[in-house]
Amino acid sequence: MNTGPIAFRYAKALLKFSAGEHIYSQACVLVLRMQELRQLADAVQKHPEVSLDRKIALLDAALGEPVADELRRFVVLVYEQKRIEYFERMLYSFIEQYRSANAIMVGKLVTAAPVAGLKERLQDALAEKTSASVLLDEHVNPGILGGFVLNIDDYRVDASVEGQFRLLRRELIDNNNRIV
């Protein structure tokens, strides 16, 4: 069974039903916690012996605060409709739809060393070009030797030394293969 349409429809309903960034931020935290703790995801989605109240208590504990009323009612609806096994996918779909509806772009910036202000400059430049709110998650990877790699949505800019070496190597191999 293709679960994509199920998750999409429920997420769309949650998006229409919820009003505010609070549900979005709680959904993001829950997705992170469910990724980090697969036992949490399993207890919420896969174990029918865990009661609805216990599932909600687990979600409260994962958030560190009570689940918002709209999200709590959503969990009850999903549970009653016997769709709780798709809950994590519903959250992912909700986050994606929320970002699309509110023009939010999320990306990852990888640099060889910490560069002061690069993240902010890129966020501002991308926000100006796209008319969207841009959020970048910054990581340091000395393996790229220098420069940066930017991934945002389906767009990738590889301005790293490692990427340039890879490109140069590929060109040399292609040119060598044509000669032979």
C-alpha atoms as a PDB file:
ATOM      1  CA  MET A   1       0.000   0.000   0.000  1.00  0.00           C
ATOM      2  CA  ASN A   2       1.347   3.423  -0.931  1.00  0.00           C
ATOM      3  CA  THR A   3       1.326   5.479   2.272  1.00  0.00           C
ATOM      4  CA  GLY A   4       2.272   8.751   0.581  1.00  0.00           C
ATOM      5  CA  PRO A   5      -1.296   9.870  -0.200  1.00  0.00           C
ATOM      6  CA  ILE A   6      -2.483   8.952   3.302  1.00  0.00           C
ATOM      7  CA  ALA A   7       0.238  11.002   4.978  1.00  0.00           C
ATOM      8  CA  PHE A   8      -0.257  13.856   2.515  1.00  0.00           C
ATOM      9  CA  ARG A   9      -4.010  14.098   3.095  1.00  0.00           C
ATOM     10  CA  TYR A  10      -3.770  14.000   6.868  1.00  0.00           C
ATOM     11  CA  ALA A  11      -0.927  16.542   6.830  1.00  0.00           C
ATOM     12  CA  LYS A  12      -2.965  18.800   4.581  1.00  0.00           C
ATOM     13  CA  ALA A  13      -5.860  18.593   7.027  1.00  0.00           C
ATOM     14  CA  LEU A  14      -3.538  19.423   9.925  1.00  0.00           C
ATOM     15  CA  LEU A  15      -2.174  22.397   7.992  1.00  0.00           C
ATOM     16  CA  LYS A  16      -5.686  23.745   7.403  1.00  0.00           C
ATOM     17  CA  PHE A  17      -6.739  23.004  10.974  1.00  0.00           C
ATOM     18  CA  SER A  18      -3.691  24.437  12.740  1.00  0.00           C
ATOM     19  CA  ALA A  19      -3.034  28.117  12.934  1.00  0.00           C
ATOM     20  CA  GLY A  20       0.455  29.077  13.803  1.00  0.00           C
ATOM     21  CA  GLU A  21       4.105  28.395  13.941  1.00  0.00           C
ATOM     22  CA  HIS A  22       3.821  26.577  17.264  1.00  0.00           C
ATOM     23  CA  ILE A  23       2.438  23.404  15.651  1.00  0.00           C
ATOM     24  CA  TYR A  24       5.177  23.571  13.006  1.00  0.00           C
ATOM     25  CA  SER A  25       7.930  23.899  15.614  1.00  0.00           C
ATOM     26  CA  GLN A  26       6.492  21.038  17.671  1.00  0.00           C
ATOM     27  CA  ALA A  27       6.242  18.873  14.547  1.00  0.00           C
ATOM     28  CA  CYS A  28       9.898  19.599  13.734  1.00  0.00           C
ATOM     29  CA  VAL A  29      10.994  18.664  17.253  1.00  0.00           C
ATOM     30  CA  LEU A  30       8.910  15.486  17.229  1.00  0.00           C
ATOM     31  CA  VAL A  31      10.406  14.399  13.903  1.00  0.00           C
ATOM     32  CA  LEU A  32      13.910  14.949  15.262  1.00  0.00           C
ATOM     33  CA  ARG A  33      13.152  13.034  18.450  1.00  0.00           C
ATOM     34  CA  MET A  34      11.572  10.175  16.514  1.00  0.00           C
ATOM     35  CA  GLN A  35      14.664   9.966  14.299  1.00  0.00           C
ATOM     36  CA  GLU A  36      17.003   9.999  17.296  1.00  0.00           C
ATOM     37  CA  LEU A  37      14.963   7.566  19.382  1.00  0.00           C
ATOM     38  CA  ARG A  38      13.508   4.827  17.234  1.00  0.00           C
ATOM     39  CA  GLN A  39      11.961   3.334  20.398  1.00  0.00           C
ATOM     40  CA  LEU A  40       9.828   6.464  20.677  1.00  0.00           C
ATOM     41  CA  ALA A  41       8.698   6.150  17.067  1.00  0.00           C
ATOM     42  CA  ASP A  42       7.977   2.451  17.541  1.00  0.00           C
ATOM     43  CA  ALA A  43       6.031   3.007  20.767  1.00  0.00           C
ATOM     44  CA  VAL A  44       3.893   5.690  19.151  1.00  0.00           C
ATOM     45  CA  GLN A  45       3.351   4.007  15.791  1.00  0.00           C
ATOM     46  CA  LYS A  46       3.824   0.245  16.014  1.00  0.00           C
ATOM     47  CA  HIS A  47       2.694  -0.988  19.405  1.00  0.00           C
ATOM     48  CA  PRO A  48      -1.084  -1.296  19.746  1.00  0.00           C
ATOM     49  CA  GLU A  49      -0.719  -2.300  23.411  1.00  0.00           C
ATOM     50  CA  VAL A  50       0.446   1.258  24.206  1.00  0.00           C
ATOM     51  CA  SER A  51      -2.670   3.287  25.024  1.00  0.00           C
ATOM     52  CA  LEU A  52      -3.516   6.607  23.406  1.00  0.00           C
ATOM     53  CA  ASP A  53      -2.924   8.451  26.685  1.00  0.00           C
ATOM     54  CA  ARG A  54       0.508   6.847  27.005  1.00  0.00           C
ATOM     55  CA  LYS A  55       1.365   7.769  23.394  1.00  0.00           C
ATOM     56  CA  ILE A  56       0.457  11.400  24.075  1.00  0.00           C
ATOM     57  CA  ALA A  57       2.464  11.312  27.324  1.00  0.00           C
ATOM     58  CA  LEU A  58       5.462  10.036  25.336  1.00  0.00           C
ATOM     59  CA  LEU A  59       5.047  12.888  22.847  1.00  0.00           C
ATOM     60  CA  ASP A  60       4.834  15.365  25.748  1.00  0.00           C
ATOM     61  CA  ALA A  61       8.055  13.955  27.184  1.00  0.00           C
ATOM     62  CA  ALA A  62       9.787  14.078  23.798  1.00  0.00           C
ATOM     63  CA  LEU A  63       8.847  17.735  23.395  1.00  0.00           C
ATOM     64  CA  GLY A  64       9.659  18.690  26.962  1.00  0.00           C
ATOM     65  CA  GLU A  65       6.345  20.528  27.076  1.00  0.00           C
ATOM     66  CA  PRO A  66       2.698  19.600  26.576  1.00  0.00           C
ATOM     67  CA  VAL A  67       1.673  18.860  23.010  1.00  0.00           C
ATOM     68  CA  ALA A  68      -0.343  21.754  21.573  1.00  0.00           C
ATOM     69  CA  ASP A  69      -4.096  21.249  21.686  1.00  0.00           C
ATOM     70  CA  GLU A  70      -4.470  21.126  17.871  1.00  0.00           C
ATOM     71  CA  LEU A  71      -1.701  18.555  17.580  1.00  0.00           C
ATOM     72  CA  ARG A  72      -3.153  16.527  20.453  1.00  0.00           C
ATOM     73  CA  ARG A  73      -6.539  16.406  18.726  1.00  0.00           C
ATOM     74  CA  PHE A  74      -4.777  15.435  15.503  1.00  0.00           C
ATOM     75  CA  VAL A  75      -3.074  12.513  17.271  1.00  0.00           C
ATOM     76  CA  VAL A  76      -6.442  11.406  18.669  1.00  0.00           C
ATOM     77  CA  LEU A  77      -7.996  11.571  15.180  1.00  0.00           C
ATOM     78  CA  VAL A  78      -5.147   9.606  13.617  1.00  0.00           C
ATOM     79  CA  TYR A  79      -5.314   7.019  16.399  1.00  0.00           C
ATOM     80  CA  GLU A  80      -9.091   6.620  16.131  1.00  0.00           C
ATOM     81  CA  GLN A  81      -8.885   6.254  12.349  1.00  0.00           C
ATOM     82  CA  LYS A  82      -6.258   3.512  12.840  1.00  0.00           C
ATOM     83  CA  ARG A  83      -3.635   5.481  10.915  1.00  0.00           C
ATOM     84  CA  ILE A  84      -1.165   5.989  13.780  1.00  0.00           C
ATOM     85  CA  GLU A  85       1.416   3.833  11.980  1.00  0.00           C
ATOM     86  CA  TYR A  86       1.801   6.691   9.464  1.00  0.00           C
ATOM     87  CA  PHE A  87       2.186   9.421  12.092  1.00  0.00           C
ATOM     88  CA  GLU A  88       5.858  10.181  11.445  1.00  0.00           C
ATOM     89  CA  ARG A  89       5.262  10.408   7.691  1.00  0.00           C
ATOM     90  CA  MET A  90       2.324  12.702   8.358  1.00  0.00           C
ATOM     91  CA  LEU A  91       4.598  14.992  10.365  1.00  0.00           C
ATOM     92  CA  TYR A  92       7.172  15.028   7.557  1.00  0.00           C
ATOM     93  CA  SER A  93       4.475  15.839   5.030  1.00  0.00           C
ATOM     94  CA  PHE A  94       3.046  18.555   7.289  1.00  0.00           C
ATOM     95  CA  ILE A  95       6.479  20.168   7.677  1.00  0.00           C
ATOM     96  CA  GLU A  96       7.007  20.113   3.909  1.00  0.00           C
ATOM     97  CA  GLN A  97       3.577  21.592   3.208  1.00  0.00           C
ATOM     98  CA  TYR A  98       4.004  24.245   5.915  1.00  0.00           C
ATOM     99  CA  ARG A  99       7.340  25.303   4.457  1.00  0.00           C
ATOM    100  CA  SER A 100       5.862  25.478   0.989  1.00  0.00           C
ATOM    101  CA  ALA A 101       2.846  27.489   2.130  1.00  0.00           C
ATOM    102  CA  ASN A 102       4.980  29.932   4.127  1.00  0.00           C
ATOM    103  CA  ALA A 103       7.881  30.267   1.663  1.00  0.00           C
ATOM    104  CA  ILE A 104      10.486  28.724   3.943  1.00  0.00           C
ATOM    105  CA  MET A 105      13.596  27.191   2.408  1.00  0.00           C
ATOM    106  CA  VAL A 106      15.845  24.995   4.528  1.00  0.00           C
ATOM    107  CA  GLY A 107      19.364  24.035   3.606  1.00  0.00           C
ATOM    108  CA  LYS A 108      22.733  22.822   4.770  1.00  0.00           C
ATOM    109  CA  LEU A 109      25.994  24.724   4.547  1.00  0.00           C
ATOM    110  CA  VAL A 110      29.235  22.758   4.852  1.00  0.00           C
ATOM    111  CA  THR A 111      32.535  24.604   5.216  1.00  0.00           C
ATOM    112  CA  ALA A 112      36.092  23.357   5.732  1.00  0.00           C
ATOM    113  CA  ALA A 113      36.521  25.633   8.754  1.00  0.00           C
ATOM    114  CA  PRO A 114      34.213  27.980  10.650  1.00  0.00           C
ATOM    115  CA  VAL A 115      33.708  31.178   8.640  1.00  0.00           C
ATOM    116  CA  ALA A 116      32.253  34.113  10.515  1.00  0.00           C
ATOM    117  CA  GLY A 117      29.273  35.657   8.775  1.00  0.00           C
ATOM    118  CA  LEU A 118      29.149  33.341   5.743  1.00  0.00           C
ATOM    119  CA  LYS A 119      25.925  31.675   6.836  1.00  0.00           C
ATOM    120  CA  GLU A 120      24.198  35.027   7.366  1.00  0.00           C
ATOM    121  CA  ARG A 121      25.443  36.466   4.063  1.00  0.00           C
ATOM    122  CA  LEU A 122      24.243  33.399   2.142  1.00  0.00           C
ATOM    123  CA  GLN A 123      20.887  33.430   3.927  1.00  0.00           C
ATOM    124  CA  ASP A 124      20.384  37.103   3.092  1.00  0.00           C
ATOM    125  CA  ALA A 125      21.447  36.670  -0.546  1.00  0.00           C
ATOM    126  CA  LEU A 126      19.215  33.632  -1.053  1.00  0.00           C
ATOM    127  CA  ALA A 127      16.272  35.306   0.695  1.00  0.00           C
ATOM    128  CA  GLU A 128      16.646  38.317  -1.584  1.00  0.00           C
ATOM    129  CA  LYS A 129      16.806  36.168  -4.731  1.00  0.00           C
ATOM    130  CA  THR A 130      13.974  33.808  -3.821  1.00  0.00           C
ATOM    131  CA  SER A 131      11.698  36.072  -1.741  1.00  0.00           C
ATOM    132  CA  ALA A 132      11.585  33.269   0.809  1.00  0.00           C
ATOM    133  CA  SER A 133      12.756  32.885   4.352  1.00  0.00           C
ATOM    134  CA  VAL A 134      16.000  30.886   4.271  1.00  0.00           C
ATOM    135  CA  LEU A 135      17.297  28.794   7.168  1.00  0.00           C
ATOM    136  CA  LEU A 136      20.730  27.195   6.895  1.00  0.00           C
ATOM    137  CA  ASP A 137      22.178  24.516   9.125  1.00  0.00           C
ATOM    138  CA  GLU A 138      25.936  25.010   9.326  1.00  0.00           C
ATOM    139  CA  HIS A 139      28.436  22.121   9.526  1.00  0.00           C
ATOM    140  CA  VAL A 140      32.227  21.972   9.462  1.00  0.00           C
ATOM    141  CA  ASN A 141      33.933  19.226   7.433  1.00  0.00           C
ATOM    142  CA  PRO A 142      37.701  19.619   7.055  1.00  0.00           C
ATOM    143  CA  GLY A 143      37.582  16.899   4.379  1.00  0.00           C
ATOM    144  CA  ILE A 144      36.397  19.372   1.742  1.00  0.00           C
ATOM    145  CA  LEU A 145      39.785  21.148   2.129  1.00  0.00           C
ATOM    146  CA  GLY A 146      38.440  24.654   1.480  1.00  0.00           C
ATOM    147  CA  GLY A 147      35.450  26.551   0.167  1.00  0.00           C
ATOM    148  CA  PHE A 148      31.885  25.462   0.907  1.00  0.00           C
ATOM    149  CA  VAL A 149      29.064  23.189  -0.209  1.00  0.00           C
ATOM    150  CA  LEU A 150      25.513  24.537  -0.074  1.00  0.00           C
ATOM    151  CA  ASN A 151      22.472  22.266  -0.344  1.00  0.00           C
ATOM    152  CA  ILE A 152      19.088  23.952  -0.295  1.00  0.00           C
ATOM    153  CA  ASP A 153      15.957  22.115  -1.367  1.00  0.00           C
ATOM    154  CA  ASP A 154      16.988  20.444  -4.660  1.00  0.00           C
ATOM    155  CA  TYR A 155      19.736  22.957  -5.399  1.00  0.00           C
ATOM    156  CA  ARG A 156      23.436  22.276  -4.745  1.00  0.00           C
ATOM    157  CA  VAL A 157      26.441  24.565  -5.060  1.00  0.00           C
ATOM    158  CA  ASP A 158      29.783  22.821  -4.620  1.00  0.00           C
ATOM    159  CA  ALA A 159      32.436  25.514  -4.295  1.00  0.00           C
ATOM    160  CA  SER A 160      34.819  23.271  -2.372  1.00  0.00           C
ATOM    161  CA  VAL A 161      38.410  22.414  -3.211  1.00  0.00           C
ATOM    162  CA  GLU A 162      37.514  18.728  -2.995  1.00  0.00           C
ATOM    163  CA  GLY A 163      34.717  19.289  -5.523  1.00  0.00           C
ATOM    164  CA  GLN A 164      37.090  21.091  -7.882  1.00  0.00           C
ATOM    165  CA  PHE A 165      39.603  18.226  -7.624  1.00  0.00           C
ATOM    166  CA  ARG A 166      36.843  15.727  -8.367  1.00  0.00           C
ATOM    167  CA  LEU A 167      35.752  17.759 -11.413  1.00  0.00           C
ATOM    168  CA  LEU A 168      39.335  18.081 -12.658  1.00  0.00           C
ATOM    169  CA  ARG A 169      39.933  14.341 -12.227  1.00  0.00           C
ATOM    170  CA  ARG A 170      36.755  13.512 -14.154  1.00  0.00           C
ATOM    171  CA  GLU A 171      37.781  15.844 -17.005  1.00  0.00           C
ATOM    172  CA  LEU A 172      41.271  14.324 -17.168  1.00  0.00           C
ATOM    173  CA  ILE A 173      39.880  10.801 -17.275  1.00  0.00           C
ATOM    174  CA  ASP A 174      37.354  11.762 -19.972  1.00  0.00           C
ATOM    175  CA  ASN A 175      40.045  13.437 -22.068  1.00  0.00           C
ATOM    176  CA  ASN A 176      42.384  10.472 -21.624  1.00  0.00           C
ATOM    177  CA  ASN A 177      39.669   8.017 -22.690  1.00  0.00           C
ATOM    178  CA  ARG A 178      39.049   9.980 -25.903  1.00  0.00           C
ATOM    179  CA  ILE A 179      42.721   9.813 -26.890  1.00  0.00           C
ATOM    180  CA  VAL A 180      42.939   6.034 -26.635  1.00  0.00           C
END
